[in-house]
Amino acid sequence: MKKENKIDKSTGELSAKWSNLFYIASLLILSIYQYIKTGTLGTEFIILMIGLVLFFLTYFIKNKS
């Protein structure tokens, strides 16, 4: 199995960062739209919050070590 070099690793991290940002923005926009339309927060908001908790949890664990 080929070892991952620094360029491959940074490319992977960059693509993960942008895809995560896309999902966060999409879920946020959808949650705001649904709240305005129906007056309630749906499952999109719950998924968004779980994703943000996981993101910050892994961010703090990674930076702590």
N, C-alpha and C. Protein backbone atom coordinates (compact mmCIF):
# COMPACT_ATOMS: atom_id res chain seq x y z
N MET A 1 0.85 -1.18 0.00
CA MET A 1 0.00 0.00 0.00
C MET A 1 0.89 1.24 0.00
N LYS A 2 0.52 2.20 -0.83
CA LYS A 2 1.30 3.43 -0.98
C LYS A 2 1.11 4.33 0.25
N LYS A 3 2.24 4.87 0.73
CA LYS A 3 2.16 5.82 1.84
C LYS A 3 1.67 7.17 1.32
N GLU A 4 0.88 7.83 2.14
CA GLU A 4 0.34 9.12 1.75
C GLU A 4 1.40 10.21 2.00
N ASN A 5 1.68 11.00 0.97
CA ASN A 5 2.67 12.06 1.16
C ASN A 5 1.97 13.35 1.63
N LYS A 6 2.76 14.37 1.86
CA LYS A 6 2.23 15.62 2.43
C LYS A 6 1.24 16.31 1.48
N ILE A 7 1.50 16.28 0.19
CA ILE A 7 0.62 16.93 -0.78
C ILE A 7 -0.73 16.22 -0.83
N ASP A 8 -0.71 14.89 -0.85
CA ASP A 8 -1.97 14.14 -0.86
C ASP A 8 -2.78 14.40 0.40
N LYS A 9 -2.09 14.48 1.53
CA LYS A 9 -2.76 14.71 2.80
C LYS A 9 -3.39 16.10 2.83
N SER A 10 -2.67 17.12 2.38
CA SER A 10 -3.22 18.47 2.40
C SER A 10 -4.37 18.63 1.42
N THR A 11 -4.31 17.93 0.28
CA THR A 11 -5.40 17.97 -0.67
C THR A 11 -6.64 17.32 -0.08
N GLY A 12 -6.48 16.21 0.60
CA GLY A 12 -7.60 15.54 1.24
C GLY A 12 -8.21 16.38 2.34
N GLU A 13 -7.37 17.03 3.13
CA GLU A 13 -7.88 17.89 4.20
C GLU A 13 -8.62 19.09 3.63
N LEU A 14 -8.11 19.65 2.54
CA LEU A 14 -8.76 20.79 1.91
C LEU A 14 -10.12 20.41 1.34
N SER A 15 -10.20 19.28 0.68
CA SER A 15 -11.49 18.86 0.11
C SER A 15 -12.48 18.52 1.22
N ALA A 16 -12.02 17.93 2.32
CA ALA A 16 -12.91 17.64 3.45
C ALA A 16 -13.42 18.93 4.07
N LYS A 17 -12.56 19.93 4.15
CA LYS A 17 -12.95 21.23 4.71
C LYS A 17 -14.04 21.88 3.86
N TRP A 18 -13.87 21.89 2.54
CA TRP A 18 -14.84 22.53 1.67
C TRP A 18 -16.15 21.77 1.60
N SER A 19 -16.09 20.44 1.62
CA SER A 19 -17.33 19.66 1.59
C SER A 19 -18.08 19.83 2.91
N ASN A 20 -17.37 19.89 4.02
CA ASN A 20 -18.00 20.13 5.31
C ASN A 20 -18.66 21.51 5.33
N LEU A 21 -17.99 22.50 4.81
CA LEU A 21 -18.55 23.85 4.74
C LEU A 21 -19.80 23.88 3.88
N PHE A 22 -19.80 23.15 2.77
CA PHE A 22 -20.96 23.08 1.90
C PHE A 22 -22.15 22.47 2.63
N TYR A 23 -21.94 21.35 3.32
CA TYR A 23 -23.03 20.70 4.04
C TYR A 23 -23.56 21.58 5.17
N ILE A 24 -22.69 22.25 5.87
CA ILE A 24 -23.12 23.14 6.94
C ILE A 24 -23.97 24.29 6.38
N ALA A 25 -23.49 24.91 5.31
CA ALA A 25 -24.23 26.01 4.70
C ALA A 25 -25.57 25.54 4.15
N SER A 26 -25.60 24.40 3.50
CA SER A 26 -26.84 23.87 2.94
C SER A 26 -27.87 23.57 4.03
N LEU A 27 -27.43 22.90 5.09
CA LEU A 27 -28.35 22.58 6.17
C LEU A 27 -28.81 23.83 6.90
N LEU A 28 -27.94 24.80 7.05
CA LEU A 28 -28.33 26.05 7.70
C LEU A 28 -29.38 26.80 6.88
N ILE A 29 -29.15 26.90 5.58
CA ILE A 29 -30.11 27.58 4.71
C ILE A 29 -31.45 26.84 4.71
N LEU A 30 -31.41 25.53 4.62
CA LEU A 30 -32.64 24.73 4.63
C LEU A 30 -33.36 24.86 5.96
N SER A 31 -32.63 24.90 7.06
CA SER A 31 -33.25 25.04 8.39
C SER A 31 -33.91 26.41 8.53
N ILE A 32 -33.24 27.44 8.08
CA ILE A 32 -33.82 28.79 8.15
C ILE A 32 -35.06 28.88 7.27
N TYR A 33 -35.00 28.33 6.08
CA TYR A 33 -36.16 28.33 5.18
C TYR A 33 -37.34 27.60 5.81
N GLN A 34 -37.09 26.42 6.37
CA GLN A 34 -38.18 25.66 6.97
C GLN A 34 -38.74 26.38 8.19
N TYR A 35 -37.89 27.03 8.97
CA TYR A 35 -38.37 27.76 10.14
C TYR A 35 -39.26 28.93 9.72
N ILE A 36 -38.87 29.63 8.68
CA ILE A 36 -39.67 30.75 8.19
C ILE A 36 -40.99 30.24 7.61
N LYS A 37 -40.93 29.15 6.87
CA LYS A 37 -42.11 28.60 6.19
C LYS A 37 -43.10 27.98 7.18
N THR A 38 -42.61 27.16 8.14
CA THR A 38 -43.52 26.41 9.01
C THR A 38 -43.50 26.88 10.46
N GLY A 39 -42.47 27.58 10.86
CA GLY A 39 -42.37 28.03 12.24
C GLY A 39 -41.78 26.99 13.18
N THR A 40 -41.31 25.87 12.64
CA THR A 40 -40.69 24.84 13.47
C THR A 40 -39.33 24.46 12.88
N LEU A 41 -38.49 23.94 13.74
CA LEU A 41 -37.19 23.45 13.29
C LEU A 41 -37.33 21.95 13.01
N GLY A 42 -36.85 21.54 11.86
CA GLY A 42 -36.98 20.14 11.46
C GLY A 42 -35.74 19.33 11.76
N THR A 43 -35.69 18.17 11.15
CA THR A 43 -34.57 17.27 11.35
C THR A 43 -33.28 17.82 10.75
N GLU A 44 -33.39 18.71 9.78
CA GLU A 44 -32.18 19.32 9.21
C GLU A 44 -31.39 20.05 10.27
N PHE A 45 -32.10 20.73 11.16
CA PHE A 45 -31.44 21.49 12.22
C PHE A 45 -30.73 20.54 13.19
N ILE A 46 -31.36 19.43 13.51
CA ILE A 46 -30.75 18.44 14.40
C ILE A 46 -29.49 17.87 13.76
N ILE A 47 -29.57 17.54 12.47
CA ILE A 47 -28.40 17.01 11.76
C ILE A 47 -27.29 18.06 11.73
N LEU A 48 -27.66 19.31 11.51
CA LEU A 48 -26.68 20.41 11.51
C LEU A 48 -26.00 20.53 12.86
N MET A 49 -26.76 20.49 13.94
CA MET A 49 -26.17 20.61 15.28
C MET A 49 -25.26 19.43 15.61
N ILE A 50 -25.68 18.22 15.27
CA ILE A 50 -24.84 17.05 15.51
C ILE A 50 -23.54 17.16 14.72
N GLY A 51 -23.63 17.60 13.47
CA GLY A 51 -22.44 17.78 12.64
C GLY A 51 -21.49 18.81 13.21
N LEU A 52 -22.04 19.92 13.71
CA LEU A 52 -21.19 20.96 14.29
C LEU A 52 -20.54 20.49 15.59
N VAL A 53 -21.28 19.75 16.40
CA VAL A 53 -20.70 19.22 17.64
C VAL A 53 -19.55 18.27 17.30
N LEU A 54 -19.76 17.38 16.35
CA LEU A 54 -18.70 16.46 15.95
C LEU A 54 -17.50 17.20 15.38
N PHE A 55 -17.76 18.23 14.57
CA PHE A 55 -16.67 19.01 13.98
C PHE A 55 -15.82 19.67 15.06
N PHE A 56 -16.47 20.36 15.99
CA PHE A 56 -15.71 21.06 17.02
C PHE A 56 -15.06 20.10 18.00
N LEU A 57 -15.70 18.99 18.28
CA LEU A 57 -15.11 17.99 19.15
C LEU A 57 -13.82 17.44 18.55
N THR A 58 -13.86 17.06 17.29
CA THR A 58 -12.64 16.54 16.65
C THR A 58 -11.60 17.64 16.48
N TYR A 59 -12.03 18.87 16.25
CA TYR A 59 -11.10 19.99 16.11
C TYR A 59 -10.33 20.21 17.42
N PHE A 60 -11.06 20.20 18.54
CA PHE A 60 -10.40 20.43 19.82
C PHE A 60 -9.52 19.24 20.21
N ILE A 61 -9.96 18.04 19.91
CA ILE A 61 -9.14 16.86 20.23
C ILE A 61 -7.86 16.88 19.40
N LYS A 62 -7.96 17.24 18.12
CA LYS A 62 -6.79 17.28 17.25
C LYS A 62 -5.81 18.36 17.69
N ASN A 63 -6.30 19.52 18.08
CA ASN A 63 -5.43 20.62 18.48
C ASN A 63 -4.87 20.45 19.88
N LYS A 64 -5.54 19.65 20.72
CA LYS A 64 -5.06 19.43 22.07
C LYS A 64 -3.82 18.56 22.08
N SER A 65 -3.79 17.58 21.17
CA SER A 65 -2.64 16.65 21.17
C SER A 65 -1.48 17.14 20.34
